[in-house]
Amino acid sequence: MNKKKFLKSRLILIILLAFILFLPTVSMAADPLEDPNAYKPNNFNTGDANVIVGRANDIITIIVNVGIIASVITLMVLGIKYMVGSVEEKAEYKKSMIPYLIGAILLFAASGIIAIIFNLVEGTDLL
């Protein structure tokens, strides 16, 4: 009975994969391989792109600032608890500082990487 269910689930999976593979994925009026200039977005305005980039920059700045404030407050609370706590509590706070440090590093690294990518792309035609 278990083998029949296994084979039945494999058959359903194969049928679904075959169905997905044979579906057309691109629908364009002109073939981009013959004429790459045939597909161009209409009504592209560089002012709209600048507005989107400006808003994204504002959102990233807010996220980074909130993250900095939250990490400083958390570090202060953990530090005070560490100074006041007993030996067993200090061991627990050391354990809780590892995820805190990993999160802080990820927050600052991610915002730094985004800023570097933005600065590299800003001077090109991509924006």
N, C-alpha and C. Protein backbone atom coordinates (compact mmCIF):
# COMPACT_ATOMS: atom_id res chain seq x y z
N MET A 1 0.82 -1.20 0.00
CA MET A 1 0.00 0.00 0.00
C MET A 1 0.87 1.26 0.00
N ASN A 2 1.91 1.25 0.80
CA ASN A 2 2.79 2.40 0.88
C ASN A 2 3.55 2.60 -0.43
N LYS A 3 3.94 1.50 -1.07
CA LYS A 3 4.65 1.58 -2.34
C LYS A 3 3.74 2.14 -3.44
N LYS A 4 2.46 1.80 -3.40
CA LYS A 4 1.51 2.32 -4.38
C LYS A 4 1.34 3.83 -4.23
N LYS A 5 1.27 4.31 -2.99
CA LYS A 5 1.15 5.75 -2.76
C LYS A 5 2.41 6.47 -3.23
N PHE A 6 3.55 5.85 -2.99
CA PHE A 6 4.81 6.45 -3.43
C PHE A 6 4.86 6.56 -4.94
N LEU A 7 4.49 5.49 -5.64
CA LEU A 7 4.50 5.51 -7.10
C LEU A 7 3.46 6.49 -7.64
N LYS A 8 2.30 6.55 -6.99
CA LYS A 8 1.26 7.46 -7.43
C LYS A 8 1.71 8.92 -7.26
N SER A 9 2.36 9.22 -6.14
CA SER A 9 2.83 10.59 -5.94
C SER A 9 3.94 10.94 -6.93
N ARG A 10 4.81 9.98 -7.23
CA ARG A 10 5.87 10.22 -8.23
C ARG A 10 5.27 10.45 -9.62
N LEU A 11 4.24 9.70 -9.96
CA LEU A 11 3.59 9.86 -11.26
C LEU A 11 2.93 11.24 -11.36
N ILE A 12 2.27 11.66 -10.31
CA ILE A 12 1.65 12.99 -10.30
C ILE A 12 2.72 14.07 -10.43
N LEU A 13 3.82 13.90 -9.74
CA LEU A 13 4.92 14.87 -9.81
C LEU A 13 5.49 14.95 -11.21
N ILE A 14 5.69 13.82 -11.85
CA ILE A 14 6.22 13.79 -13.22
C ILE A 14 5.25 14.46 -14.19
N ILE A 15 3.97 14.20 -14.03
CA ILE A 15 2.97 14.82 -14.91
C ILE A 15 2.95 16.33 -14.72
N LEU A 16 3.02 16.80 -13.47
CA LEU A 16 3.05 18.24 -13.20
C LEU A 16 4.30 18.89 -13.78
N LEU A 17 5.45 18.25 -13.61
CA LEU A 17 6.68 18.80 -14.16
C LEU A 17 6.64 18.85 -15.69
N ALA A 18 6.10 17.81 -16.32
CA ALA A 18 5.99 17.81 -17.78
C ALA A 18 5.04 18.91 -18.24
N PHE A 19 3.96 19.12 -17.52
CA PHE A 19 3.01 20.17 -17.86
C PHE A 19 3.65 21.54 -17.74
N ILE A 20 4.42 21.76 -16.69
CA ILE A 20 5.08 23.05 -16.49
C ILE A 20 6.16 23.28 -17.55
N LEU A 21 6.90 22.24 -17.90
CA LEU A 21 7.97 22.39 -18.89
C LEU A 21 7.45 22.72 -20.28
N PHE A 22 6.26 22.22 -20.62
CA PHE A 22 5.75 22.43 -21.96
C PHE A 22 4.89 23.68 -22.08
N LEU A 23 4.67 24.39 -20.99
CA LEU A 23 3.93 25.65 -21.07
C LEU A 23 4.81 26.72 -21.70
N PRO A 24 4.24 27.56 -22.52
CA PRO A 24 5.05 28.66 -23.08
C PRO A 24 5.36 29.66 -21.97
N THR A 25 6.60 30.05 -21.89
CA THR A 25 7.00 30.95 -20.82
C THR A 25 7.16 32.39 -21.29
N VAL A 26 7.40 32.61 -22.58
CA VAL A 26 7.61 33.96 -23.09
C VAL A 26 6.61 34.21 -24.20
N SER A 27 5.96 35.32 -24.14
CA SER A 27 5.02 35.70 -25.19
C SER A 27 5.34 37.12 -25.61
N MET A 28 5.95 37.26 -26.79
CA MET A 28 6.33 38.57 -27.29
C MET A 28 5.86 38.69 -28.74
N ALA A 29 5.58 39.91 -29.15
CA ALA A 29 5.13 40.12 -30.52
C ALA A 29 6.27 39.94 -31.51
N ALA A 30 7.46 40.34 -31.15
CA ALA A 30 8.61 40.22 -32.04
C ALA A 30 9.63 39.29 -31.40
N ASP A 31 10.39 38.63 -32.23
CA ASP A 31 11.42 37.74 -31.73
C ASP A 31 12.63 38.56 -31.31
N PRO A 32 13.00 38.55 -30.03
CA PRO A 32 14.11 39.39 -29.58
C PRO A 32 15.46 38.92 -30.11
N LEU A 33 15.55 37.68 -30.57
CA LEU A 33 16.81 37.21 -31.12
C LEU A 33 17.06 37.76 -32.51
N GLU A 34 15.98 38.00 -33.27
CA GLU A 34 16.14 38.57 -34.60
C GLU A 34 16.32 40.08 -34.55
N ASP A 35 15.54 40.75 -33.72
CA ASP A 35 15.62 42.20 -33.62
C ASP A 35 15.56 42.60 -32.14
N PRO A 36 16.71 42.78 -31.48
CA PRO A 36 16.71 43.09 -30.05
C PRO A 36 16.07 44.43 -29.73
N ASN A 37 16.01 45.33 -30.70
CA ASN A 37 15.41 46.65 -30.44
C ASN A 37 13.89 46.64 -30.57
N ALA A 38 13.31 45.50 -30.93
CA ALA A 38 11.87 45.44 -31.12
C ALA A 38 11.12 45.52 -29.79
N TYR A 39 11.75 45.09 -28.72
CA TYR A 39 11.09 45.13 -27.41
C TYR A 39 11.72 46.23 -26.57
N LYS A 40 10.99 47.28 -26.41
CA LYS A 40 11.42 48.38 -25.55
C LYS A 40 10.22 48.80 -24.71
N PRO A 41 10.44 49.06 -23.45
CA PRO A 41 9.33 49.53 -22.63
C PRO A 41 8.82 50.88 -23.13
N ASN A 42 7.51 51.03 -23.09
CA ASN A 42 6.90 52.27 -23.55
C ASN A 42 6.80 53.27 -22.41
N ASN A 43 6.87 54.52 -22.74
CA ASN A 43 6.67 55.62 -21.79
C ASN A 43 7.59 55.53 -20.59
N PHE A 44 8.84 55.19 -20.80
CA PHE A 44 9.79 55.15 -19.70
C PHE A 44 10.28 56.55 -19.43
N ASN A 45 10.08 56.98 -18.22
CA ASN A 45 10.45 58.33 -17.84
C ASN A 45 11.55 58.26 -16.79
N THR A 46 12.65 58.95 -17.02
CA THR A 46 13.75 58.90 -16.05
C THR A 46 13.36 59.60 -14.76
N GLY A 47 12.41 60.52 -14.80
CA GLY A 47 11.94 61.17 -13.58
C GLY A 47 11.28 60.17 -12.65
N ASP A 48 10.52 59.22 -13.22
CA ASP A 48 9.89 58.18 -12.41
C ASP A 48 10.94 57.30 -11.75
N ALA A 49 11.99 56.97 -12.48
CA ALA A 49 13.05 56.14 -11.92
C ALA A 49 13.74 56.87 -10.78
N ASN A 50 13.96 58.16 -10.93
CA ASN A 50 14.60 58.93 -9.87
C ASN A 50 13.73 59.00 -8.62
N VAL A 51 12.42 59.10 -8.81
CA VAL A 51 11.50 59.12 -7.66
C VAL A 51 11.56 57.79 -6.93
N ILE A 52 11.57 56.68 -7.68
CA ILE A 52 11.62 55.35 -7.06
C ILE A 52 12.94 55.16 -6.32
N VAL A 53 14.03 55.58 -6.93
CA VAL A 53 15.34 55.45 -6.28
C VAL A 53 15.39 56.31 -5.02
N GLY A 54 14.84 57.49 -5.08
CA GLY A 54 14.81 58.36 -3.90
C GLY A 54 14.00 57.76 -2.76
N ARG A 55 12.85 57.20 -3.09
CA ARG A 55 12.02 56.57 -2.05
C ARG A 55 12.70 55.34 -1.47
N ALA A 56 13.31 54.54 -2.34
CA ALA A 56 14.02 53.35 -1.84
C ALA A 56 15.17 53.76 -0.93
N ASN A 57 15.86 54.82 -1.29
CA ASN A 57 16.95 55.31 -0.46
C ASN A 57 16.43 55.77 0.90
N ASP A 58 15.29 56.46 0.90
CA ASP A 58 14.68 56.89 2.17
C ASP A 58 14.28 55.70 3.04
N ILE A 59 13.69 54.69 2.42
CA ILE A 59 13.25 53.50 3.17
C ILE A 59 14.45 52.77 3.76
N ILE A 60 15.51 52.60 2.97
CA ILE A 60 16.70 51.91 3.46
C ILE A 60 17.33 52.70 4.60
N THR A 61 17.35 54.03 4.48
CA THR A 61 17.91 54.85 5.56
C THR A 61 17.11 54.70 6.84
N ILE A 62 15.78 54.68 6.73
CA ILE A 62 14.93 54.50 7.91
C ILE A 62 15.18 53.13 8.54
N ILE A 63 15.25 52.09 7.72
CA ILE A 63 15.47 50.73 8.25
C ILE A 63 16.81 50.65 8.97
N VAL A 64 17.85 51.22 8.38
CA VAL A 64 19.17 51.18 9.00
C VAL A 64 19.17 51.96 10.32
N ASN A 65 18.55 53.13 10.33
CA ASN A 65 18.52 53.92 11.56
C ASN A 65 17.74 53.23 12.67
N VAL A 66 16.60 52.64 12.34
CA VAL A 66 15.83 51.89 13.34
C VAL A 66 16.64 50.70 13.84
N GLY A 67 17.34 50.03 12.93
CA GLY A 67 18.17 48.90 13.33
C GLY A 67 19.31 49.31 14.25
N ILE A 68 19.92 50.45 13.97
CA ILE A 68 21.00 50.95 14.83
C ILE A 68 20.47 51.27 16.21
N ILE A 69 19.33 51.96 16.27
CA ILE A 69 18.74 52.32 17.56
C ILE A 69 18.37 51.06 18.35
N ALA A 70 17.73 50.09 17.67
CA ALA A 70 17.33 48.85 18.36
C ALA A 70 18.55 48.07 18.83
N SER A 71 19.60 48.03 18.02
CA SER A 71 20.78 47.27 18.43
C SER A 71 21.51 47.92 19.60
N VAL A 72 21.56 49.25 19.62
CA VAL A 72 22.20 49.93 20.74
C VAL A 72 21.41 49.73 22.02
N ILE A 73 20.09 49.85 21.95
CA ILE A 73 19.25 49.64 23.14
C ILE A 73 19.38 48.21 23.64
N THR A 74 19.35 47.25 22.73
CA THR A 74 19.49 45.85 23.12
C THR A 74 20.85 45.58 23.75
N LEU A 75 21.89 46.15 23.17
CA LEU A 75 23.23 45.98 23.73
C LEU A 75 23.32 46.59 25.13
N MET A 76 22.70 47.74 25.33
CA MET A 76 22.71 48.36 26.65
C MET A 76 21.98 47.49 27.68
N VAL A 77 20.83 46.97 27.30
CA VAL A 77 20.05 46.12 28.22
C VAL A 77 20.83 44.84 28.55
N LEU A 78 21.39 44.20 27.52
CA LEU A 78 22.17 42.99 27.77
C LEU A 78 23.41 43.28 28.62
N GLY A 79 24.05 44.42 28.38
CA GLY A 79 25.23 44.78 29.17
C GLY A 79 24.89 45.03 30.62
N ILE A 80 23.80 45.73 30.88
CA ILE A 80 23.39 45.98 32.27
C ILE A 80 23.01 44.68 32.96
N LYS A 81 22.25 43.83 32.27
CA LYS A 81 21.89 42.54 32.86
C LYS A 81 23.13 41.68 33.12
N TYR A 82 24.11 41.77 32.23
CA TYR A 82 25.34 41.00 32.40
C TYR A 82 26.13 41.49 33.61
N MET A 83 26.18 42.79 33.81
CA MET A 83 26.93 43.33 34.95
C MET A 83 26.25 43.02 36.28
N VAL A 84 24.94 43.00 36.30
CA VAL A 84 24.19 42.82 37.54
C VAL A 84 23.95 41.33 37.84
N GLY A 85 23.96 40.48 36.83
CA GLY A 85 23.56 39.09 37.00
C GLY A 85 24.57 38.22 37.71
N SER A 86 24.08 37.05 38.13
CA SER A 86 24.94 36.07 38.79
C SER A 86 25.75 35.32 37.73
N VAL A 87 26.52 34.35 38.18
CA VAL A 87 27.40 33.61 37.26
C VAL A 87 26.57 32.83 36.24
N GLU A 88 25.49 32.19 36.70
CA GLU A 88 24.64 31.42 35.78
C GLU A 88 23.95 32.34 34.78
N GLU A 89 23.51 33.50 35.26
CA GLU A 89 22.85 34.44 34.36
C GLU A 89 23.84 35.01 33.34
N LYS A 90 25.07 35.21 33.76
CA LYS A 90 26.08 35.72 32.83
C LYS A 90 26.32 34.72 31.70
N ALA A 91 26.29 33.45 32.03
CA ALA A 91 26.46 32.42 31.00
C ALA A 91 25.30 32.46 30.01
N GLU A 92 24.08 32.67 30.53
CA GLU A 92 22.92 32.76 29.64
C GLU A 92 22.99 34.00 28.76
N TYR A 93 23.44 35.12 29.31
CA TYR A 93 23.53 36.34 28.52
C TYR A 93 24.61 36.23 27.45
N LYS A 94 25.69 35.49 27.75
CA LYS A 94 26.70 35.26 26.73
C LYS A 94 26.10 34.46 25.57
N LYS A 95 25.23 33.48 25.90
CA LYS A 95 24.57 32.70 24.85
C LYS A 95 23.63 33.57 24.03
N SER A 96 22.95 34.52 24.68
CA SER A 96 22.01 35.36 23.96
C SER A 96 22.72 36.45 23.16
N MET A 97 23.98 36.72 23.48
CA MET A 97 24.70 37.75 22.73
C MET A 97 25.16 37.25 21.36
N ILE A 98 25.31 35.95 21.18
CA ILE A 98 25.75 35.42 19.89
C ILE A 98 24.71 35.71 18.80
N PRO A 99 23.42 35.38 19.00
CA PRO A 99 22.44 35.76 17.96
C PRO A 99 22.33 37.27 17.78
N TYR A 100 22.50 38.02 18.87
CA TYR A 100 22.47 39.48 18.76
C TYR A 100 23.60 39.97 17.86
N LEU A 101 24.79 39.48 18.08
CA LEU A 101 25.94 39.91 17.27
C LEU A 101 25.77 39.51 15.81
N ILE A 102 25.26 38.30 15.57
CA ILE A 102 25.04 37.86 14.19
C ILE A 102 24.01 38.76 13.52
N GLY A 103 22.92 39.08 14.22
CA GLY A 103 21.90 39.96 13.65
C GLY A 103 22.43 41.36 13.38
N ALA A 104 23.22 41.89 14.31
CA ALA A 104 23.78 43.23 14.11
C ALA A 104 24.74 43.25 12.92
N ILE A 105 25.57 42.23 12.82
CA ILE A 105 26.51 42.15 11.69
C ILE A 105 25.75 42.04 10.37
N LEU A 106 24.70 41.21 10.34
CA LEU A 106 23.90 41.09 9.11
C LEU A 106 23.23 42.41 8.75
N LEU A 107 22.70 43.11 9.75
CA LEU A 107 22.05 44.40 9.48
C LEU A 107 23.03 45.39 8.89
N PHE A 108 24.18 45.54 9.52
CA PHE A 108 25.14 46.53 9.04
C PHE A 108 25.80 46.09 7.73
N ALA A 109 26.05 44.81 7.57
CA ALA A 109 26.66 44.32 6.33
C ALA A 109 25.68 44.47 5.16
N ALA A 110 24.40 44.13 5.39
CA ALA A 110 23.42 44.24 4.31
C ALA A 110 23.24 45.68 3.88
N SER A 111 23.16 46.59 4.83
CA SER A 111 22.99 48.00 4.45
C SER A 111 24.25 48.52 3.77
N GLY A 112 25.41 48.07 4.21
CA GLY A 112 26.66 48.48 3.56
C GLY A 112 26.77 47.96 2.15
N ILE A 113 26.39 46.70 1.94
CA ILE A 113 26.44 46.11 0.60
C ILE A 113 25.46 46.81 -0.33
N ILE A 114 24.27 47.12 0.17
CA ILE A 114 23.29 47.83 -0.65
C ILE A 114 23.81 49.20 -1.02
N ALA A 115 24.44 49.90 -0.08
CA ALA A 115 24.99 51.22 -0.37
C ALA A 115 26.11 51.14 -1.40
N ILE A 116 26.96 50.13 -1.30
CA ILE A 116 28.06 49.97 -2.27
C ILE A 116 27.51 49.69 -3.66
N ILE A 117 26.52 48.79 -3.75
CA ILE A 117 25.92 48.47 -5.05
C ILE A 117 25.25 49.71 -5.64
N PHE A 118 24.53 50.46 -4.80
CA PHE A 118 23.86 51.67 -5.29
C PHE A 118 24.88 52.68 -5.81
N ASN A 119 25.98 52.87 -5.10
CA ASN A 119 26.99 53.81 -5.54
C ASN A 119 27.67 53.37 -6.83
N LEU A 120 27.84 52.06 -7.01
CA LEU A 120 28.45 51.56 -8.25
C LEU A 120 27.51 51.73 -9.44
N VAL A 121 26.22 51.50 -9.22
CA VAL A 121 25.25 51.53 -10.31
C VAL A 121 24.80 52.95 -10.62
N GLU A 122 24.97 53.86 -9.68
CA GLU A 122 24.44 55.22 -9.84
C GLU A 122 25.02 55.93 -11.07
N GLY A 123 26.27 55.71 -11.36
CA GLY A 123 26.89 56.40 -12.49
C GLY A 123 26.66 55.74 -13.83
N THR A 124 26.03 54.59 -13.88
CA THR A 124 25.82 53.87 -15.14
C THR A 124 24.46 54.20 -15.73
N ASP A 125 24.17 53.55 -16.85
CA ASP A 125 22.88 53.77 -17.53
C ASP A 125 21.79 52.89 -16.96
N LEU A 126 22.09 52.09 -15.95
CA LEU A 126 21.09 51.19 -15.39
C LEU A 126 20.01 51.94 -14.63
N LEU A 127 20.33 53.10 -14.10
CA LEU A 127 19.32 53.89 -13.38
C LEU A 127 18.82 55.02 -14.25
